[in-house]
């Protein structure tokens, strides 16, 4: 739907401006202009009528009637309407806006403790850090705090507060009247993440506005000269409440044109039409130092719940693009409807939008590191693996100890990093494996050096192929290969030319995320170099079936009786990290973390 959009000049709010865009709505020049005191009297006269229009059954039609009346009124420079708003610019540069806010969805807030609201199915509290050793900072703002029809968003902020705090973040919560124009224009740059629940609208090709929680009657000397009246519920009834608004012009003035820049932050805001014109708030925040700006291009009611789920995904260690990709479709788009001035229903679609397009962002998340893994066979400890890391969180040593396999010896594997393109693994028996890396850090080739008379070393050399960052083929020196296909971040199929079976993996509907452990090629649980091979599966299987192509049971027939199916169950700690893995109810792995 093509909306009728407000047409007013770019807000240079200290002085009055008349541009060519205003000619059609401006009255003839007069010898003298009203004083500020006279303008205030005019505003007081207009306000009751505009408030009544805002709260009427058809605000669009009422706004248009008032626009015709006000455009010839003394002291009025320009009047414009849209299907949601009435905006008046006065000859002294002040601007008043009446903005109809949409009805909100009253579904419960998304809570990370509810697995259905997380992207992996199991919210994982991560330890966090920054380069300076201090925790990252998040600001959670709820401009709608005092609106009785939006009480559920208090829960949204509370759930986010708990999630960030549990992850080690420094959390600042700003509600209602504390979200002043001055706070919005001086302090947002203090934070690594800024999350804003608020209202907003577009002002044609020049600017957009978001609403603060600061009421003009309760403050003075505000940095904003833009006032916006919206409809809220107070005392059980719908009323008109006046707030200061800020435009993208203010962001440019107080952040971009100063040294008060954002620290490569993420800005998420729920304002309707906040990114309908991406070069307004999107560009303003980005020019001020934000790495990514996320919002909505139309009127929306799902922005708060979507925002929570998005933040939980980022806290789980996903990048912004990955977290958005994993959102359900109903959390990324919303079908909406609004009445036009004739009472006809106009349909539109609101889309979750990112500026700049393709921008990515990742929380400074440090997942727990595996300290020790124990392998069990028939409930006996058969082997244990100990892990050491350097200051850059790189795995530097794996010590393996065998317990019940007499033919196998204990061993030690040391990993070194001579440059950004290579990783060298040295074993205590003198064997060396060298991994050559692609630009994205994935392994391009693995070369073994050891006994030159041992033909196995030629077989172990391997090259790797990736599709969209996922490992899809491994081919060794003899041309034998293993191939994978992926779907929604999970391995769908695995085929090998080496063994007599293929695998069918079945995942839980809400799978457990295990971002810091990997599968080896046989989908047992690997623990070291497998982590280099592109994007690993982030999900644990519920069931694994080996589809046999060989007569394993010796009955002369290859059929389902030759297949083998295993079922997996898991134990986790309070933070969601897997601590034990069972196969057909038998303990297979126990994992201990630092």
Foldseek 3Di string as FASTA:
>chain_A
DDWFFAADAFQPQQAADDDPSAVVLADDDDPDADDPVVLVVVCVVCVVQLFCLLPDPQNQQSLVVVSVVPSPPGQWGHWTGISFKIKTAGRRRFIEMEGEADQADPDAAQAQPQLVLALQSHQFQFAFADPVGAAFEEEAEEQCCQFPSPVRVVVLSVRVVVRCVSNPHHYHYHYAQSQALCCVLAPPQRGQEYEYEWAWGANPPRKIKTFTRHAVVVDPPGPASYKYWYWGDDPRDIGIGITGMDILVSLCVRQLPDPSAHQLHEYEYEYAQPCLPCCINVVSNVSRRHQKYKYKRGRDRLRSNLVSNQVSHLSSWDKSVLSVVSDPPCNFKDWDWGAHSVRDIDIDMMGIDMPPVPGIGHGRGDHFAFAKKFFDDPNHTAKMWGWDADPVRATAKIWMCGDPDVVDHTKMWGWDDPDQQWIWIAIPVGKIKIFGADPVQAGQWIAIDDPPVDCVRQFPTWGFDDDPQATAKIAGNVRWMKGFDDDSLHTQWIDTPPDFWIKGFAADPSFQFAQQWAADNVRDTDHHPVVRHTRGRRGHTQKMKTQGPDDPVPPPDRDPVPMDMWGKDFDADPSRHTQWIDINNHTGMGTDTD
